[in-house]
Amino acid sequence: MSMGLELFGEPGHRMDNVTGVYIPEILGNGDSVRSHLLEDFGIEIGTSFGPLHGKIWRIGTMGYGCRKANILRCLGALEAVMRRHGFASPAGAGVDAAYAVYDA
């Protein structure tokens, strides 16, 4: 992924209503990133359960959450918060990649 993140699951087995993303090792279990997304931007993303708990984020991609403005806001906020926590995500990469899809 353009933000330096890896999607969970094989392409043919991914779900349309939620996107699973591996949490970069430098971010630990990802809870501090999730907390800052909620506190600073009002964006809530989920963690995973069982053996994947603390290894995968679940980002909802259905209904109101999948509107263009919300997708762009989520990507920009996630990128900014991850950088604050030490993950070197290329500035603007996620939003630029989303625009490339929207403009195609």
N, C-alpha and C. Protein backbone atom coordinates (compact mmCIF):
# COMPACT_ATOMS: atom_id res chain seq x y z
N MET A 1 0.85 -1.18 0.00
CA MET A 1 0.00 0.00 0.00
C MET A 1 0.89 1.24 0.00
N SER A 2 0.43 2.29 -0.61
CA SER A 2 1.25 3.49 -0.77
C SER A 2 1.68 4.12 0.55
N MET A 3 0.96 3.86 1.63
CA MET A 3 1.31 4.43 2.93
C MET A 3 2.35 3.58 3.66
N GLY A 4 2.80 2.51 3.03
CA GLY A 4 3.77 1.64 3.68
C GLY A 4 3.12 0.59 4.56
N LEU A 5 1.82 0.39 4.41
CA LEU A 5 1.08 -0.59 5.19
C LEU A 5 0.78 -1.81 4.32
N GLU A 6 0.57 -2.95 4.97
CA GLU A 6 0.25 -4.18 4.26
C GLU A 6 -1.19 -4.58 4.59
N LEU A 7 -1.96 -4.86 3.55
CA LEU A 7 -3.34 -5.29 3.75
C LEU A 7 -3.38 -6.74 4.21
N PHE A 8 -4.35 -7.06 5.04
CA PHE A 8 -4.54 -8.41 5.56
C PHE A 8 -5.36 -9.23 4.58
N GLY A 9 -4.96 -10.46 4.37
CA GLY A 9 -5.73 -11.40 3.55
C GLY A 9 -5.34 -11.37 2.09
N GLU A 10 -5.61 -12.48 1.45
CA GLU A 10 -5.35 -12.58 0.01
C GLU A 10 -6.40 -11.76 -0.74
N PRO A 11 -6.02 -11.15 -1.87
CA PRO A 11 -6.96 -10.28 -2.58
C PRO A 11 -8.33 -10.91 -2.85
N GLY A 12 -8.41 -12.16 -3.18
CA GLY A 12 -9.69 -12.79 -3.47
C GLY A 12 -10.53 -13.11 -2.25
N HIS A 13 -9.95 -12.93 -1.05
CA HIS A 13 -10.66 -13.28 0.18
C HIS A 13 -10.92 -12.09 1.09
N ARG A 14 -10.61 -10.89 0.64
CA ARG A 14 -10.86 -9.70 1.46
C ARG A 14 -12.33 -9.33 1.42
N MET A 15 -12.78 -8.72 2.49
CA MET A 15 -14.18 -8.32 2.59
C MET A 15 -14.37 -6.89 2.08
N ASP A 16 -15.54 -6.59 1.55
CA ASP A 16 -15.84 -5.25 1.06
C ASP A 16 -16.20 -4.29 2.17
N ASN A 17 -16.72 -4.80 3.29
CA ASN A 17 -17.24 -3.92 4.34
C ASN A 17 -16.22 -3.57 5.41
N VAL A 18 -15.06 -4.19 5.38
CA VAL A 18 -14.00 -3.88 6.35
C VAL A 18 -12.65 -4.17 5.70
N THR A 19 -11.69 -3.29 5.95
CA THR A 19 -10.35 -3.49 5.42
C THR A 19 -9.42 -3.81 6.58
N GLY A 20 -8.78 -4.95 6.49
CA GLY A 20 -7.81 -5.36 7.51
C GLY A 20 -6.42 -4.89 7.12
N VAL A 21 -5.73 -4.28 8.07
CA VAL A 21 -4.39 -3.74 7.83
C VAL A 21 -3.46 -4.22 8.94
N TYR A 22 -2.32 -4.78 8.55
CA TYR A 22 -1.33 -5.18 9.55
C TYR A 22 -0.78 -3.93 10.25
N ILE A 23 -0.67 -3.99 11.56
CA ILE A 23 -0.12 -2.88 12.34
C ILE A 23 1.40 -2.95 12.24
N PRO A 24 2.05 -1.87 11.80
CA PRO A 24 3.51 -1.87 11.73
C PRO A 24 4.13 -2.14 13.11
N GLU A 25 5.17 -2.93 13.13
CA GLU A 25 5.81 -3.35 14.38
C GLU A 25 6.19 -2.18 15.28
N ILE A 26 6.66 -1.09 14.68
CA ILE A 26 7.10 0.06 15.46
C ILE A 26 5.96 0.67 16.27
N LEU A 27 4.71 0.37 15.90
CA LEU A 27 3.55 0.94 16.58
C LEU A 27 3.00 0.03 17.68
N GLY A 28 3.72 -1.03 18.00
CA GLY A 28 3.28 -1.94 19.05
C GLY A 28 1.96 -2.58 18.70
N ASN A 29 1.03 -2.59 19.65
CA ASN A 29 -0.28 -3.20 19.38
C ASN A 29 -1.25 -2.22 18.71
N GLY A 30 -0.80 -0.99 18.46
CA GLY A 30 -1.59 -0.01 17.73
C GLY A 30 -2.62 0.74 18.55
N ASP A 31 -2.74 0.42 19.84
CA ASP A 31 -3.78 1.07 20.65
C ASP A 31 -3.57 2.57 20.80
N SER A 32 -2.32 3.02 20.90
CA SER A 32 -2.09 4.47 21.05
C SER A 32 -2.47 5.21 19.77
N VAL A 33 -2.24 4.60 18.63
CA VAL A 33 -2.66 5.21 17.36
C VAL A 33 -4.18 5.29 17.31
N ARG A 34 -4.85 4.20 17.67
CA ARG A 34 -6.31 4.19 17.68
C ARG A 34 -6.86 5.26 18.62
N SER A 35 -6.25 5.40 19.79
CA SER A 35 -6.71 6.41 20.76
C SER A 35 -6.56 7.81 20.21
N HIS A 36 -5.42 8.11 19.59
CA HIS A 36 -5.20 9.45 19.05
C HIS A 36 -6.11 9.73 17.85
N LEU A 37 -6.39 8.73 17.04
CA LEU A 37 -7.34 8.93 15.94
C LEU A 37 -8.70 9.35 16.49
N LEU A 38 -9.12 8.69 17.55
CA LEU A 38 -10.43 9.00 18.14
C LEU A 38 -10.41 10.36 18.83
N GLU A 39 -9.39 10.63 19.63
CA GLU A 39 -9.31 11.88 20.38
C GLU A 39 -9.11 13.09 19.48
N ASP A 40 -8.21 12.98 18.51
CA ASP A 40 -7.83 14.14 17.70
C ASP A 40 -8.71 14.35 16.47
N PHE A 41 -9.27 13.26 15.92
CA PHE A 41 -10.00 13.36 14.66
C PHE A 41 -11.43 12.82 14.72
N GLY A 42 -11.80 12.18 15.83
CA GLY A 42 -13.13 11.59 15.92
C GLY A 42 -13.30 10.37 15.03
N ILE A 43 -12.20 9.72 14.71
CA ILE A 43 -12.22 8.53 13.85
C ILE A 43 -11.93 7.31 14.69
N GLU A 44 -12.81 6.32 14.58
CA GLU A 44 -12.62 5.09 15.34
C GLU A 44 -12.34 3.93 14.39
N ILE A 45 -11.22 3.25 14.61
CA ILE A 45 -10.93 2.02 13.88
C ILE A 45 -10.82 0.90 14.90
N GLY A 46 -11.09 -0.31 14.46
CA GLY A 46 -11.11 -1.44 15.38
C GLY A 46 -9.80 -2.19 15.41
N THR A 47 -9.66 -2.95 16.48
CA THR A 47 -8.55 -3.90 16.56
C THR A 47 -9.11 -5.25 16.14
N SER A 48 -8.35 -6.28 16.31
CA SER A 48 -8.81 -7.61 15.94
C SER A 48 -9.00 -8.46 17.17
N PHE A 49 -9.37 -9.69 16.97
CA PHE A 49 -9.68 -10.60 18.06
C PHE A 49 -8.79 -11.84 17.99
N GLY A 50 -8.76 -12.57 19.09
CA GLY A 50 -8.04 -13.84 19.13
C GLY A 50 -6.57 -13.70 18.81
N PRO A 51 -6.02 -14.61 18.01
CA PRO A 51 -4.58 -14.59 17.74
C PRO A 51 -4.12 -13.37 16.94
N LEU A 52 -5.05 -12.65 16.31
CA LEU A 52 -4.68 -11.45 15.55
C LEU A 52 -4.83 -10.17 16.36
N HIS A 53 -5.27 -10.28 17.62
CA HIS A 53 -5.43 -9.09 18.46
C HIS A 53 -4.10 -8.36 18.58
N GLY A 54 -4.12 -7.05 18.33
CA GLY A 54 -2.91 -6.24 18.41
C GLY A 54 -2.01 -6.37 17.20
N LYS A 55 -2.45 -7.10 16.18
CA LYS A 55 -1.65 -7.27 14.96
C LYS A 55 -2.35 -6.70 13.73
N ILE A 56 -3.66 -6.55 13.84
CA ILE A 56 -4.47 -6.10 12.70
C ILE A 56 -5.40 -4.98 13.14
N TRP A 57 -5.49 -3.93 12.32
CA TRP A 57 -6.55 -2.94 12.48
C TRP A 57 -7.67 -3.30 11.52
N ARG A 58 -8.89 -3.01 11.92
CA ARG A 58 -10.05 -3.19 11.05
C ARG A 58 -10.66 -1.81 10.79
N ILE A 59 -10.67 -1.43 9.53
CA ILE A 59 -11.18 -0.12 9.14
C ILE A 59 -12.48 -0.34 8.36
N GLY A 60 -13.57 0.18 8.90
CA GLY A 60 -14.87 0.00 8.27
C GLY A 60 -14.97 0.75 6.96
N THR A 61 -15.51 0.07 5.95
CA THR A 61 -15.64 0.66 4.62
C THR A 61 -17.03 0.38 4.04
N MET A 62 -18.04 0.74 4.82
CA MET A 62 -19.41 0.61 4.32
C MET A 62 -20.26 1.75 4.87
N GLY A 63 -21.37 2.00 4.24
CA GLY A 63 -22.28 3.05 4.69
C GLY A 63 -21.63 4.42 4.68
N TYR A 64 -21.96 5.20 5.71
CA TYR A 64 -21.46 6.58 5.83
C TYR A 64 -19.93 6.63 5.82
N GLY A 65 -19.30 5.62 6.41
CA GLY A 65 -17.84 5.60 6.51
C GLY A 65 -17.11 5.49 5.19
N CYS A 66 -17.81 5.06 4.13
CA CYS A 66 -17.12 4.90 2.86
C CYS A 66 -17.37 6.06 1.90
N ARG A 67 -17.95 7.12 2.38
CA ARG A 67 -18.09 8.31 1.54
C ARG A 67 -16.70 8.88 1.26
N LYS A 68 -16.55 9.45 0.10
CA LYS A 68 -15.24 9.96 -0.34
C LYS A 68 -14.60 10.86 0.71
N ALA A 69 -15.33 11.81 1.24
CA ALA A 69 -14.76 12.74 2.22
C ALA A 69 -14.26 12.01 3.46
N ASN A 70 -15.01 11.00 3.90
CA ASN A 70 -14.60 10.25 5.10
C ASN A 70 -13.40 9.36 4.84
N ILE A 71 -13.33 8.76 3.66
CA ILE A 71 -12.15 7.95 3.31
C ILE A 71 -10.91 8.84 3.28
N LEU A 72 -11.00 9.99 2.63
CA LEU A 72 -9.84 10.89 2.53
C LEU A 72 -9.42 11.38 3.92
N ARG A 73 -10.40 11.72 4.75
CA ARG A 73 -10.10 12.19 6.11
C ARG A 73 -9.45 11.08 6.93
N CYS A 74 -9.95 9.87 6.83
CA CYS A 74 -9.39 8.74 7.58
C CYS A 74 -7.95 8.47 7.15
N LEU A 75 -7.69 8.44 5.85
CA LEU A 75 -6.34 8.18 5.37
C LEU A 75 -5.36 9.26 5.82
N GLY A 76 -5.76 10.52 5.67
CA GLY A 76 -4.89 11.62 6.09
C GLY A 76 -4.63 11.61 7.59
N ALA A 77 -5.67 11.35 8.37
CA ALA A 77 -5.51 11.31 9.83
C ALA A 77 -4.65 10.13 10.25
N LEU A 78 -4.88 8.96 9.67
CA LEU A 78 -4.09 7.79 10.02
C LEU A 78 -2.62 8.02 9.71
N GLU A 79 -2.35 8.58 8.57
CA GLU A 79 -0.97 8.89 8.18
C GLU A 79 -0.32 9.85 9.18
N ALA A 80 -1.02 10.92 9.53
CA ALA A 80 -0.47 11.91 10.46
C ALA A 80 -0.20 11.32 11.84
N VAL A 81 -1.16 10.54 12.35
CA VAL A 81 -1.00 9.95 13.68
C VAL A 81 0.12 8.91 13.68
N MET A 82 0.20 8.10 12.63
CA MET A 82 1.28 7.11 12.58
C MET A 82 2.65 7.79 12.56
N ARG A 83 2.77 8.89 11.83
CA ARG A 83 4.05 9.62 11.81
C ARG A 83 4.39 10.15 13.19
N ARG A 84 3.39 10.65 13.92
CA ARG A 84 3.62 11.14 15.30
C ARG A 84 4.12 10.03 16.20
N HIS A 85 3.77 8.79 15.87
CA HIS A 85 4.17 7.64 16.69
C HIS A 85 5.39 6.92 16.13
N GLY A 86 6.07 7.54 15.16
CA GLY A 86 7.34 7.00 14.69
C GLY A 86 7.33 6.18 13.43
N PHE A 87 6.16 6.02 12.78
CA PHE A 87 6.11 5.26 11.53
C PHE A 87 6.26 6.23 10.37
N ALA A 88 7.26 6.01 9.55
CA ALA A 88 7.60 6.94 8.46
C ALA A 88 6.73 6.69 7.23
N SER A 89 5.48 7.06 7.32
CA SER A 89 4.58 6.97 6.18
C SER A 89 4.84 8.16 5.26
N PRO A 90 4.97 7.94 3.95
CA PRO A 90 5.22 9.07 3.04
C PRO A 90 4.08 10.09 3.11
N ALA A 91 4.42 11.34 3.30
CA ALA A 91 3.42 12.40 3.45
C ALA A 91 2.50 12.48 2.23
N GLY A 92 1.22 12.39 2.48
CA GLY A 92 0.21 12.53 1.43
C GLY A 92 -0.02 11.30 0.57
N ALA A 93 0.71 10.23 0.82
CA ALA A 93 0.65 9.05 -0.06
C ALA A 93 -0.72 8.39 -0.08
N GLY A 94 -1.34 8.25 1.07
CA GLY A 94 -2.65 7.59 1.13
C GLY A 94 -3.73 8.39 0.42
N VAL A 95 -3.76 9.68 0.67
CA VAL A 95 -4.76 10.54 0.04
C VAL A 95 -4.51 10.60 -1.47
N ASP A 96 -3.25 10.70 -1.88
CA ASP A 96 -2.93 10.72 -3.32
C ASP A 96 -3.37 9.43 -4.00
N ALA A 97 -3.14 8.29 -3.34
CA ALA A 97 -3.55 7.00 -3.91
C ALA A 97 -5.07 6.91 -4.02
N ALA A 98 -5.77 7.42 -3.02
CA ALA A 98 -7.24 7.40 -3.06
C ALA A 98 -7.75 8.28 -4.21
N TYR A 99 -7.17 9.47 -4.36
CA TYR A 99 -7.57 10.33 -5.48
C TYR A 99 -7.33 9.65 -6.82
N ALA A 100 -6.23 8.91 -6.95
CA ALA A 100 -5.94 8.20 -8.19
C ALA A 100 -7.06 7.20 -8.52
N VAL A 101 -7.60 6.56 -7.49
CA VAL A 101 -8.71 5.62 -7.70
C VAL A 101 -9.99 6.39 -8.04
N TYR A 102 -10.27 7.44 -7.29
CA TYR A 102 -11.48 8.22 -7.55
C TYR A 102 -11.46 8.87 -8.93
N ASP A 103 -10.29 9.29 -9.38
CA ASP A 103 -10.17 9.99 -10.66
C ASP A 103 -10.05 9.06 -11.85
N ALA A 104 -9.91 7.75 -11.60
CA ALA A 104 -9.71 6.78 -12.70
C ALA A 104 -10.99 6.60 -13.50
